[in-house]
Amino acid sequence: MSLVDDLIENLVERNAVDINGTFTIALVDGGIRLRGTVHSAVRDERKKKVILKVDVPVDAQVSVGEMVIPLPQIK
């Protein structure tokens, strides 16, 4: 195996990720808006130690273009 393969394998086997947070989803004109915060921590399972802790603010808006839905003729 290469050095990169060994590194990735060790990271995946030894570490665990905890993710939690809160989100607000709102309907806006033409789409949705997502706001909130994600709290994440990467833990080393062998040493029982947190090696990375991140708090990420989220503010995103997704817009959808105009949609036309054809309806069948009603007779």
N, C-alpha and C. Protein backbone atom coordinates (compact mmCIF):
# COMPACT_ATOMS: atom_id res chain seq x y z
N MET A 1 0.83 -1.19 0.00
CA MET A 1 0.00 0.00 0.00
C MET A 1 0.87 1.25 0.00
N SER A 2 0.31 2.30 -0.49
CA SER A 2 1.05 3.56 -0.50
C SER A 2 0.89 4.27 0.84
N LEU A 3 1.68 5.28 1.03
CA LEU A 3 1.63 6.07 2.26
C LEU A 3 0.26 6.72 2.43
N VAL A 4 -0.32 7.22 1.34
CA VAL A 4 -1.64 7.87 1.39
C VAL A 4 -2.71 6.85 1.79
N ASP A 5 -2.66 5.64 1.23
CA ASP A 5 -3.62 4.59 1.59
C ASP A 5 -3.53 4.25 3.07
N ASP A 6 -2.30 4.14 3.59
CA ASP A 6 -2.11 3.84 5.02
C ASP A 6 -2.66 4.95 5.89
N LEU A 7 -2.42 6.19 5.49
CA LEU A 7 -2.91 7.33 6.26
C LEU A 7 -4.43 7.35 6.30
N ILE A 8 -5.07 7.18 5.16
CA ILE A 8 -6.53 7.20 5.10
C ILE A 8 -7.11 6.03 5.89
N GLU A 9 -6.51 4.86 5.78
CA GLU A 9 -6.99 3.69 6.52
C GLU A 9 -6.91 3.93 8.02
N ASN A 10 -5.80 4.50 8.49
CA ASN A 10 -5.66 4.79 9.92
C ASN A 10 -6.65 5.83 10.39
N LEU A 11 -6.89 6.84 9.58
CA LEU A 11 -7.87 7.87 9.96
C LEU A 11 -9.27 7.29 10.08
N VAL A 12 -9.64 6.42 9.15
CA VAL A 12 -10.98 5.84 9.15
C VAL A 12 -11.15 4.84 10.28
N GLU A 13 -10.14 4.01 10.52
CA GLU A 13 -10.26 2.97 11.54
C GLU A 13 -10.15 3.51 12.95
N ARG A 14 -9.36 4.52 13.18
CA ARG A 14 -9.10 5.00 14.54
C ARG A 14 -10.02 6.12 14.99
N ASN A 15 -10.67 6.80 14.07
CA ASN A 15 -11.40 8.00 14.44
C ASN A 15 -12.90 7.84 14.27
N ALA A 16 -13.63 8.63 15.06
CA ALA A 16 -15.08 8.69 14.97
C ALA A 16 -15.48 10.16 14.89
N VAL A 17 -16.58 10.44 14.23
CA VAL A 17 -17.06 11.81 14.06
C VAL A 17 -18.40 11.96 14.75
N ASP A 18 -18.51 12.99 15.59
CA ASP A 18 -19.78 13.34 16.22
C ASP A 18 -20.29 14.60 15.56
N ILE A 19 -21.54 14.58 15.10
CA ILE A 19 -22.14 15.75 14.45
C ILE A 19 -23.50 16.01 15.08
N ASN A 20 -23.74 17.27 15.47
CA ASN A 20 -25.07 17.67 15.90
C ASN A 20 -25.23 19.15 15.60
N GLY A 21 -26.43 19.65 15.75
CA GLY A 21 -26.67 21.05 15.47
C GLY A 21 -28.15 21.34 15.36
N THR A 22 -28.45 22.59 15.03
CA THR A 22 -29.83 23.01 14.87
C THR A 22 -29.98 23.74 13.55
N PHE A 23 -31.13 23.57 12.90
CA PHE A 23 -31.40 24.21 11.62
C PHE A 23 -32.79 24.81 11.63
N THR A 24 -32.92 25.88 10.88
CA THR A 24 -34.22 26.47 10.61
C THR A 24 -34.41 26.45 9.11
N ILE A 25 -35.52 25.89 8.67
CA ILE A 25 -35.83 25.83 7.25
C ILE A 25 -37.04 26.72 7.01
N ALA A 26 -36.89 27.67 6.08
CA ALA A 26 -37.98 28.60 5.78
C ALA A 26 -38.24 28.62 4.29
N LEU A 27 -39.51 28.74 3.93
CA LEU A 27 -39.87 28.90 2.53
C LEU A 27 -39.71 30.36 2.15
N VAL A 28 -39.02 30.62 1.06
CA VAL A 28 -38.86 31.97 0.55
C VAL A 28 -39.34 31.99 -0.89
N ASP A 29 -39.45 33.15 -1.46
CA ASP A 29 -39.93 33.28 -2.84
C ASP A 29 -39.02 32.51 -3.78
N GLY A 30 -39.51 31.44 -4.35
CA GLY A 30 -38.76 30.68 -5.33
C GLY A 30 -37.88 29.57 -4.77
N GLY A 31 -37.95 29.28 -3.48
CA GLY A 31 -37.10 28.21 -2.94
C GLY A 31 -37.19 28.10 -1.43
N ILE A 32 -36.08 27.68 -0.81
CA ILE A 32 -36.01 27.55 0.64
C ILE A 32 -34.72 28.19 1.16
N ARG A 33 -34.73 28.55 2.43
CA ARG A 33 -33.55 29.08 3.10
C ARG A 33 -33.26 28.20 4.31
N LEU A 34 -31.99 27.86 4.49
CA LEU A 34 -31.53 27.02 5.58
C LEU A 34 -30.54 27.81 6.42
N ARG A 35 -30.83 27.93 7.70
CA ARG A 35 -29.94 28.64 8.62
C ARG A 35 -29.75 27.79 9.87
N GLY A 36 -28.57 27.89 10.46
CA GLY A 36 -28.32 27.15 11.68
C GLY A 36 -26.83 27.02 11.96
N THR A 37 -26.51 26.06 12.83
CA THR A 37 -25.13 25.81 13.23
C THR A 37 -24.90 24.31 13.32
N VAL A 38 -23.74 23.87 12.83
CA VAL A 38 -23.34 22.47 12.93
C VAL A 38 -22.15 22.40 13.89
N HIS A 39 -22.26 21.52 14.88
CA HIS A 39 -21.17 21.28 15.83
C HIS A 39 -20.61 19.90 15.52
N SER A 40 -19.30 19.83 15.28
CA SER A 40 -18.67 18.56 14.90
C SER A 40 -17.40 18.36 15.70
N ALA A 41 -17.13 17.09 16.02
CA ALA A 41 -15.89 16.74 16.72
C ALA A 41 -15.36 15.43 16.16
N VAL A 42 -14.05 15.37 15.94
CA VAL A 42 -13.38 14.14 15.51
C VAL A 42 -12.64 13.60 16.71
N ARG A 43 -12.94 12.34 17.06
CA ARG A 43 -12.33 11.70 18.24
C ARG A 43 -11.40 10.57 17.82
N ASP A 44 -10.26 10.46 18.49
CA ASP A 44 -9.35 9.32 18.33
C ASP A 44 -9.85 8.23 19.28
N GLU A 45 -10.30 7.12 18.72
CA GLU A 45 -10.90 6.05 19.52
C GLU A 45 -9.88 5.32 20.40
N ARG A 46 -8.64 5.22 19.97
CA ARG A 46 -7.63 4.52 20.77
C ARG A 46 -7.20 5.33 21.98
N LYS A 47 -7.00 6.63 21.78
CA LYS A 47 -6.54 7.50 22.86
C LYS A 47 -7.69 8.13 23.64
N LYS A 48 -8.92 7.95 23.16
CA LYS A 48 -10.11 8.53 23.79
C LYS A 48 -9.96 10.04 23.96
N LYS A 49 -9.56 10.70 22.88
CA LYS A 49 -9.26 12.12 22.92
C LYS A 49 -9.88 12.81 21.71
N VAL A 50 -10.39 14.03 21.91
CA VAL A 50 -10.91 14.83 20.80
C VAL A 50 -9.72 15.49 20.10
N ILE A 51 -9.60 15.28 18.78
CA ILE A 51 -8.46 15.85 18.06
C ILE A 51 -8.86 17.04 17.20
N LEU A 52 -10.16 17.23 16.95
CA LEU A 52 -10.62 18.37 16.17
C LEU A 52 -12.04 18.70 16.57
N LYS A 53 -12.29 19.97 16.85
CA LYS A 53 -13.62 20.43 17.22
C LYS A 53 -13.96 21.63 16.35
N VAL A 54 -15.12 21.60 15.68
CA VAL A 54 -15.49 22.64 14.73
C VAL A 54 -16.94 23.05 14.95
N ASP A 55 -17.19 24.36 14.97
CA ASP A 55 -18.54 24.92 14.97
C ASP A 55 -18.69 25.70 13.67
N VAL A 56 -19.65 25.27 12.84
CA VAL A 56 -19.79 25.85 11.50
C VAL A 56 -21.16 26.51 11.37
N PRO A 57 -21.20 27.82 11.12
CA PRO A 57 -22.49 28.45 10.84
C PRO A 57 -22.94 28.12 9.42
N VAL A 58 -24.25 27.90 9.25
CA VAL A 58 -24.80 27.56 7.94
C VAL A 58 -25.85 28.61 7.58
N ASP A 59 -25.71 29.18 6.39
CA ASP A 59 -26.70 30.11 5.86
C ASP A 59 -26.76 29.88 4.35
N ALA A 60 -27.77 29.16 3.89
CA ALA A 60 -27.86 28.80 2.49
C ALA A 60 -29.27 29.05 1.97
N GLN A 61 -29.35 29.40 0.70
CA GLN A 61 -30.64 29.58 0.06
C GLN A 61 -30.62 28.82 -1.26
N VAL A 62 -31.65 28.03 -1.47
CA VAL A 62 -31.77 27.24 -2.70
C VAL A 62 -32.98 27.75 -3.46
N SER A 63 -32.76 28.11 -4.70
CA SER A 63 -33.85 28.59 -5.54
C SER A 63 -34.15 27.58 -6.63
N VAL A 64 -35.42 27.49 -6.96
CA VAL A 64 -35.87 26.59 -8.01
C VAL A 64 -36.52 27.44 -9.08
N GLY A 65 -36.15 27.18 -10.33
CA GLY A 65 -36.73 27.93 -11.44
C GLY A 65 -38.21 27.62 -11.60
N GLU A 66 -38.84 28.35 -12.47
CA GLU A 66 -40.27 28.15 -12.71
C GLU A 66 -40.51 26.77 -13.25
N MET A 67 -41.53 26.12 -12.73
CA MET A 67 -41.87 24.77 -13.18
C MET A 67 -43.25 24.79 -13.83
N VAL A 68 -43.37 24.11 -14.94
CA VAL A 68 -44.66 23.98 -15.61
C VAL A 68 -45.06 22.52 -15.57
N ILE A 69 -46.22 22.25 -14.97
CA ILE A 69 -46.70 20.88 -14.86
C ILE A 69 -47.89 20.74 -15.80
N PRO A 70 -47.74 19.97 -16.87
CA PRO A 70 -48.86 19.79 -17.80
C PRO A 70 -49.96 18.91 -17.17
N LEU A 71 -51.19 19.33 -17.37
CA LEU A 71 -52.33 18.57 -16.87
C LEU A 71 -53.08 17.95 -18.05
N PRO A 72 -53.65 16.77 -17.84
CA PRO A 72 -54.40 16.15 -18.93
C PRO A 72 -55.71 16.90 -19.15
N GLN A 73 -56.24 16.81 -20.35
CA GLN A 73 -57.52 17.44 -20.67
C GLN A 73 -58.64 16.73 -19.94
N ILE A 74 -59.50 17.51 -19.36
CA ILE A 74 -60.67 16.96 -18.67
C ILE A 74 -61.87 17.14 -19.59
N LYS A 75 -62.55 16.05 -19.94
CA LYS A 75 -63.72 16.12 -20.83
C LYS A 75 -64.98 15.80 -20.10
